[in-house]
Amino acid sequence: MTTKPTEETTMDESKEMAIRQVANALHRLNDAVIAAVGKGVTVELMRASRYHNEQGAWGDMLVPIIHKQD
């Protein structure tokens, strides 16, 4: 049995592209964190703020916290 997608489950192409861009950037960020940790740096990502578009959507803005090695 097939059901018709609802508006809640479908997304326009521009939103899908935006999600892909975030996913790709996160993949590169994770690679950079792995490389830094491999060099002996301790990296913590912390939410610095939250961006709102005033239409109900929001996203977390992150900053890296680098912990000094003892």
PDB file of N, CA and C in Angstrom:
ATOM      1  N   MET A   1       0.841  -1.173   0.000  1.00  0.00           N
ATOM      2  CA  MET A   1       0.000   0.000   0.000  1.00  0.00           C
ATOM      3  C   MET A   1       0.890   1.241   0.000  1.00  0.00           C
ATOM      4  N   THR A   2       0.670   2.117  -0.927  1.00  0.00           N
ATOM      5  CA  THR A   2       1.439   3.361  -0.992  1.00  0.00           C
ATOM      6  C   THR A   2       0.585   4.504  -0.478  1.00  0.00           C
ATOM      7  N   THR A   3       1.249   5.369   0.231  1.00  0.00           N
ATOM      8  CA  THR A   3       0.555   6.555   0.713  1.00  0.00           C
ATOM      9  C   THR A   3       1.137   7.774   0.035  1.00  0.00           C
ATOM     10  N   LYS A   4       0.321   8.751  -0.101  1.00  0.00           N
ATOM     11  CA  LYS A   4       0.748   9.993  -0.714  1.00  0.00           C
ATOM     12  C   LYS A   4       1.555  10.801   0.297  1.00  0.00           C
ATOM     13  N   PRO A   5       2.717  11.343  -0.103  1.00  0.00           N
ATOM     14  CA  PRO A   5       3.483  12.160   0.848  1.00  0.00           C
ATOM     15  C   PRO A   5       2.691  13.401   1.240  1.00  0.00           C
ATOM     16  N   THR A   6       2.775  13.724   2.496  1.00  0.00           N
ATOM     17  CA  THR A   6       2.115  14.932   2.979  1.00  0.00           C
ATOM     18  C   THR A   6       3.089  16.096   2.921  1.00  0.00           C
ATOM     19  N   GLU A   7       2.580  17.290   3.128  1.00  0.00           N
ATOM     20  CA  GLU A   7       3.458  18.466   3.141  1.00  0.00           C
ATOM     21  C   GLU A   7       4.513  18.353   4.225  1.00  0.00           C
ATOM     22  N   GLU A   8       4.174  17.658   5.338  1.00  0.00           N
ATOM     23  CA  GLU A   8       5.114  17.520   6.442  1.00  0.00           C
ATOM     24  C   GLU A   8       6.298  16.631   6.058  1.00  0.00           C
ATOM     25  N   THR A   9       6.111  15.670   5.132  1.00  0.00           N
ATOM     26  CA  THR A   9       7.185  14.748   4.795  1.00  0.00           C
ATOM     27  C   THR A   9       7.926  15.143   3.525  1.00  0.00           C
ATOM     28  N   THR A  10       7.396  16.093   2.775  1.00  0.00           N
ATOM     29  CA  THR A  10       8.088  16.530   1.569  1.00  0.00           C
ATOM     30  C   THR A  10       8.788  17.850   1.848  1.00  0.00           C
ATOM     31  N   MET A  11       9.832  18.088   1.081  1.00  0.00           N
ATOM     32  CA  MET A  11      10.605  19.305   1.277  1.00  0.00           C
ATOM     33  C   MET A  11      10.993  19.833  -0.093  1.00  0.00           C
ATOM     34  N   ASP A  12      10.948  21.146  -0.246  1.00  0.00           N
ATOM     35  CA  ASP A  12      11.313  21.677  -1.556  1.00  0.00           C
ATOM     36  C   ASP A  12      12.819  21.556  -1.771  1.00  0.00           C
ATOM     37  N   GLU A  13      13.215  21.671  -3.028  1.00  0.00           N
ATOM     38  CA  GLU A  13      14.605  21.441  -3.420  1.00  0.00           C
ATOM     39  C   GLU A  13      15.588  22.370  -2.715  1.00  0.00           C
ATOM     40  N   SER A  14      15.201  23.625  -2.495  1.00  0.00           N
ATOM     41  CA  SER A  14      16.124  24.572  -1.844  1.00  0.00           C
ATOM     42  C   SER A  14      16.395  24.173  -0.392  1.00  0.00           C
ATOM     43  N   LYS A  15      15.385  23.648   0.289  1.00  0.00           N
ATOM     44  CA  LYS A  15      15.586  23.190   1.671  1.00  0.00           C
ATOM     45  C   LYS A  15      16.447  21.941   1.694  1.00  0.00           C
ATOM     46  N   GLU A  16      16.211  21.019   0.761  1.00  0.00           N
ATOM     47  CA  GLU A  16      17.043  19.817   0.689  1.00  0.00           C
ATOM     48  C   GLU A  16      18.496  20.172   0.416  1.00  0.00           C
ATOM     49  N   MET A  17      18.719  21.156  -0.459  1.00  0.00           N
ATOM     50  CA  MET A  17      20.087  21.603  -0.764  1.00  0.00           C
ATOM     51  C   MET A  17      20.726  22.215   0.485  1.00  0.00           C
ATOM     52  N   ALA A  18      19.972  23.000   1.232  1.00  0.00           N
ATOM     53  CA  ALA A  18      20.501  23.611   2.453  1.00  0.00           C
ATOM     54  C   ALA A  18      20.903  22.529   3.458  1.00  0.00           C
ATOM     55  N   ILE A  19      20.100  21.485   3.583  1.00  0.00           N
ATOM     56  CA  ILE A  19      20.422  20.390   4.501  1.00  0.00           C
ATOM     57  C   ILE A  19      21.673  19.661   4.036  1.00  0.00           C
ATOM     58  N   ARG A  20      21.797  19.424   2.733  1.00  0.00           N
ATOM     59  CA  ARG A  20      23.008  18.777   2.200  1.00  0.00           C
ATOM     60  C   ARG A  20      24.243  19.625   2.471  1.00  0.00           C
ATOM     61  N   GLN A  21      24.115  20.952   2.339  1.00  0.00           N
ATOM     62  CA  GLN A  21      25.258  21.833   2.604  1.00  0.00           C
ATOM     63  C   GLN A  21      25.679  21.755   4.060  1.00  0.00           C
ATOM     64  N   VAL A  22      24.707  21.731   4.972  1.00  0.00           N
ATOM     65  CA  VAL A  22      25.034  21.604   6.400  1.00  0.00           C
ATOM     66  C   VAL A  22      25.704  20.252   6.652  1.00  0.00           C
ATOM     67  N   ALA A  23      25.151  19.191   6.090  1.00  0.00           N
ATOM     68  CA  ALA A  23      25.726  17.853   6.284  1.00  0.00           C
ATOM     69  C   ALA A  23      27.154  17.788   5.755  1.00  0.00           C
ATOM     70  N   ASN A  24      27.397  18.357   4.577  1.00  0.00           N
ATOM     71  CA  ASN A  24      28.748  18.353   4.009  1.00  0.00           C
ATOM     72  C   ASN A  24      29.713  19.162   4.875  1.00  0.00           C
ATOM     73  N   ALA A  25      29.268  20.315   5.362  1.00  0.00           N
ATOM     74  CA  ALA A  25      30.119  21.138   6.224  1.00  0.00           C
ATOM     75  C   ALA A  25      30.420  20.410   7.531  1.00  0.00           C
ATOM     76  N   LEU A  26      29.440  19.712   8.081  1.00  0.00           N
ATOM     77  CA  LEU A  26      29.672  18.953   9.317  1.00  0.00           C
ATOM     78  C   LEU A  26      30.661  17.814   9.082  1.00  0.00           C
ATOM     79  N   HIS A  27      30.579  17.194   7.935  1.00  0.00           N
ATOM     80  CA  HIS A  27      31.532  16.126   7.617  1.00  0.00           C
ATOM     81  C   HIS A  27      32.955  16.691   7.574  1.00  0.00           C
ATOM     82  N   ARG A  28      33.121  17.838   6.923  1.00  0.00           N
ATOM     83  CA  ARG A  28      34.451  18.477   6.873  1.00  0.00           C
ATOM     84  C   ARG A  28      34.895  18.897   8.274  1.00  0.00           C
ATOM     85  N   LEU A  29      33.971  19.429   9.079  1.00  0.00           N
ATOM     86  CA  LEU A  29      34.306  19.804  10.452  1.00  0.00           C
ATOM     87  C   LEU A  29      34.762  18.585  11.246  1.00  0.00           C
ATOM     88  N   ASN A  30      34.035  17.485  11.130  1.00  0.00           N
ATOM     89  CA  ASN A  30      34.427  16.269  11.846  1.00  0.00           C
ATOM     90  C   ASN A  30      35.808  15.789  11.412  1.00  0.00           C
ATOM     91  N   ASP A  31      36.093  15.864  10.110  1.00  0.00           N
ATOM     92  CA  ASP A  31      37.430  15.496   9.630  1.00  0.00           C
ATOM     93  C   ASP A  31      38.499  16.399  10.240  1.00  0.00           C
ATOM     94  N   ALA A  32      38.211  17.709  10.341  1.00  0.00           N
ATOM     95  CA  ALA A  32      39.166  18.655  10.922  1.00  0.00           C
ATOM     96  C   ALA A  32      39.371  18.369  12.407  1.00  0.00           C
ATOM     97  N   VAL A  33      38.308  18.030  13.118  1.00  0.00           N
ATOM     98  CA  VAL A  33      38.426  17.697  14.544  1.00  0.00           C
ATOM     99  C   VAL A  33      39.277  16.437  14.704  1.00  0.00           C
ATOM    100  N   ILE A  34      39.024  15.438  13.885  1.00  0.00           N
ATOM    101  CA  ILE A  34      39.813  14.198  13.947  1.00  0.00           C
ATOM    102  C   ILE A  34      41.290  14.499  13.694  1.00  0.00           C
ATOM    103  N   ALA A  35      41.579  15.337  12.704  1.00  0.00           N
ATOM    104  CA  ALA A  35      42.968  15.698  12.405  1.00  0.00           C
ATOM    105  C   ALA A  35      43.607  16.430  13.578  1.00  0.00           C
ATOM    106  N   ALA A  36      42.889  17.367  14.191  1.00  0.00           N
ATOM    107  CA  ALA A  36      43.432  18.119  15.332  1.00  0.00           C
ATOM    108  C   ALA A  36      43.685  17.197  16.516  1.00  0.00           C
ATOM    109  N   VAL A  37      42.740  16.321  16.802  1.00  0.00           N
ATOM    110  CA  VAL A  37      42.907  15.376  17.909  1.00  0.00           C
ATOM    111  C   VAL A  37      44.089  14.460  17.622  1.00  0.00           C
ATOM    112  N   GLY A  38      44.243  14.067  16.373  1.00  0.00           N
ATOM    113  CA  GLY A  38      45.392  13.240  15.987  1.00  0.00           C
ATOM    114  C   GLY A  38      46.719  13.930  16.235  1.00  0.00           C
ATOM    115  N   LYS A  39      46.734  15.254  16.195  1.00  0.00           N
ATOM    116  CA  LYS A  39      47.951  16.036  16.473  1.00  0.00           C
ATOM    117  C   LYS A  39      48.111  16.335  17.958  1.00  0.00           C
ATOM    118  N   GLY A  40      47.164  15.889  18.799  1.00  0.00           N
ATOM    119  CA  GLY A  40      47.265  16.080  20.239  1.00  0.00           C
ATOM    120  C   GLY A  40      46.469  17.247  20.794  1.00  0.00           C
ATOM    121  N   VAL A  41      45.577  17.822  19.985  1.00  0.00           N
ATOM    122  CA  VAL A  41      44.753  18.951  20.438  1.00  0.00           C
ATOM    123  C   VAL A  41      43.415  18.416  20.920  1.00  0.00           C
ATOM    124  N   THR A  42      42.937  18.927  22.053  1.00  0.00           N
ATOM    125  CA  THR A  42      41.615  18.567  22.549  1.00  0.00           C
ATOM    126  C   THR A  42      40.640  19.650  22.117  1.00  0.00           C
ATOM    127  N   VAL A  43      39.594  19.252  21.406  1.00  0.00           N
ATOM    128  CA  VAL A  43      38.640  20.189  20.825  1.00  0.00           C
ATOM    129  C   VAL A  43      37.252  19.888  21.368  1.00  0.00           C
ATOM    130  N   GLU A  44      36.604  20.926  21.864  1.00  0.00           N
ATOM    131  CA  GLU A  44      35.206  20.825  22.300  1.00  0.00           C
ATOM    132  C   GLU A  44      34.409  21.839  21.483  1.00  0.00           C
ATOM    133  N   LEU A  45      33.268  21.427  20.983  1.00  0.00           N
ATOM    134  CA  LEU A  45      32.390  22.350  20.266  1.00  0.00           C
ATOM    135  C   LEU A  45      31.273  22.777  21.205  1.00  0.00           C
ATOM    136  N   MET A  46      31.076  24.087  21.308  1.00  0.00           N
ATOM    137  CA  MET A  46      30.078  24.624  22.234  1.00  0.00           C
ATOM    138  C   MET A  46      29.140  25.566  21.492  1.00  0.00           C
ATOM    139  N   ARG A  47      27.883  25.512  21.851  1.00  0.00           N
ATOM    140  CA  ARG A  47      26.940  26.450  21.258  1.00  0.00           C
ATOM    141  C   ARG A  47      27.220  27.840  21.801  1.00  0.00           C
ATOM    142  N   ALA A  48      27.440  28.784  20.896  1.00  0.00           N
ATOM    143  CA  ALA A  48      27.718  30.169  21.285  1.00  0.00           C
ATOM    144  C   ALA A  48      26.446  30.998  21.263  1.00  0.00           C
ATOM    145  N   SER A  49      25.545  30.662  20.359  1.00  0.00           N
ATOM    146  CA  SER A  49      24.291  31.402  20.239  1.00  0.00           C
ATOM    147  C   SER A  49      23.325  30.569  19.422  1.00  0.00           C
ATOM    148  N   ARG A  50      22.135  31.087  19.278  1.00  0.00           N
ATOM    149  CA  ARG A  50      21.130  30.430  18.455  1.00  0.00           C
ATOM    150  C   ARG A  50      20.591  31.456  17.473  1.00  0.00           C
ATOM    151  N   TYR A  51      20.627  31.121  16.192  1.00  0.00           N
ATOM    152  CA  TYR A  51      20.141  32.010  15.141  1.00  0.00           C
ATOM    153  C   TYR A  51      18.671  31.692  14.859  1.00  0.00           C
ATOM    154  N   HIS A  52      17.843  32.732  14.835  1.00  0.00           N
ATOM    155  CA  HIS A  52      16.416  32.581  14.538  1.00  0.00           C
ATOM    156  C   HIS A  52      16.091  33.360  13.268  1.00  0.00           C
ATOM    157  N   ASN A  53      15.207  32.810  12.450  1.00  0.00           N
ATOM    158  CA  ASN A  53      14.814  33.525  11.237  1.00  0.00           C
ATOM    159  C   ASN A  53      13.509  34.290  11.428  1.00  0.00           C
ATOM    160  N   GLU A  54      12.996  34.343  12.631  1.00  0.00           N
ATOM    161  CA  GLU A  54      11.755  35.049  12.981  1.00  0.00           C
ATOM    162  C   GLU A  54      10.530  34.459  12.295  1.00  0.00           C
ATOM    163  N   GLN A  55      10.661  33.227  11.788  1.00  0.00           N
ATOM    164  CA  GLN A  55       9.525  32.512  11.202  1.00  0.00           C
ATOM    165  C   GLN A  55       9.403  31.121  11.820  1.00  0.00           C
ATOM    166  N   GLY A  56      10.077  30.916  12.939  1.00  0.00           N
ATOM    167  CA  GLY A  56       9.979  29.647  13.648  1.00  0.00           C
ATOM    168  C   GLY A  56      11.171  28.720  13.482  1.00  0.00           C
ATOM    169  N   ALA A  57      12.025  28.979  12.501  1.00  0.00           N
ATOM    170  CA  ALA A  57      13.195  28.122  12.314  1.00  0.00           C
ATOM    171  C   ALA A  57      14.382  28.703  13.093  1.00  0.00           C
ATOM    172  N   TRP A  58      15.264  27.827  13.542  1.00  0.00           N
ATOM    173  CA  TRP A  58      16.441  28.273  14.280  1.00  0.00           C
ATOM    174  C   TRP A  58      17.584  27.291  14.052  1.00  0.00           C
ATOM    175  N   GLY A  59      18.787  27.728  14.366  1.00  0.00           N
ATOM    176  CA  GLY A  59      19.969  26.880  14.269  1.00  0.00           C
ATOM    177  C   GLY A  59      21.011  27.311  15.276  1.00  0.00           C
ATOM    178  N   ASP A  60      21.764  26.353  15.766  1.00  0.00           N
ATOM    179  CA  ASP A  60      22.814  26.632  16.747  1.00  0.00           C
ATOM    180  C   ASP A  60      24.084  27.107  16.050  1.00  0.00           C
ATOM    181  N   MET A  61      24.696  28.139  16.594  1.00  0.00           N
ATOM    182  CA  MET A  61      25.988  28.641  16.141  1.00  0.00           C
ATOM    183  C   MET A  61      27.038  28.079  17.098  1.00  0.00           C
ATOM    184  N   LEU A  62      28.088  27.485  16.545  1.00  0.00           N
ATOM    185  CA  LEU A  62      29.083  26.806  17.356  1.00  0.00           C
ATOM    186  C   LEU A  62      30.421  27.534  17.350  1.00  0.00           C
ATOM    187  N   VAL A  63      31.149  27.378  18.444  1.00  0.00           N
ATOM    188  CA  VAL A  63      32.527  27.856  18.521  1.00  0.00           C
ATOM    189  C   VAL A  63      33.387  26.714  19.067  1.00  0.00           C
ATOM    190  N   PRO A  64      34.635  26.614  18.626  1.00  0.00           N
ATOM    191  CA  PRO A  64      35.510  25.585  19.178  1.00  0.00           C
ATOM    192  C   PRO A  64      36.141  26.081  20.475  1.00  0.00           C
ATOM    193  N   ILE A  65      36.195  25.210  21.450  1.00  0.00           N
ATOM    194  CA  ILE A  65      36.911  25.465  22.688  1.00  0.00           C
ATOM    195  C   ILE A  65      38.117  24.524  22.673  1.00  0.00           C
ATOM    196  N   ILE A  66      39.304  25.097  22.709  1.00  0.00           N
ATOM    197  CA  ILE A  66      40.527  24.294  22.677  1.00  0.00           C
ATOM    198  C   ILE A  66      41.052  24.173  24.099  1.00  0.00           C
ATOM    199  N   HIS A  67      41.178  22.959  24.583  1.00  0.00           N
ATOM    200  CA  HIS A  67      41.629  22.724  25.947  1.00  0.00           C
ATOM    201  C   HIS A  67      43.155  22.550  25.961  1.00  0.00           C
ATOM    202  N   LYS A  68      43.777  23.283  26.857  1.00  0.00           N
ATOM    203  CA  LYS A  68      45.232  23.216  26.990  1.00  0.00           C
ATOM    204  C   LYS A  68      45.628  21.862  27.559  1.00  0.00           C
ATOM    205  N   GLN A  69      46.657  21.298  26.947  1.00  0.00           N
ATOM    206  CA  GLN A  69      47.172  20.016  27.412  1.00  0.00           C
ATOM    207  C   GLN A  69      48.079  20.243  28.609  1.00  0.00           C
ATOM    208  N   ASP A  70      47.989  19.364  29.598  1.00  0.00           N
ATOM    209  CA  ASP A  70      48.870  19.470  30.776  1.00  0.00           C
ATOM    210  C   ASP A  70      50.231  18.921  30.498  1.00  0.00           C
TER     211      ASP A  70
END
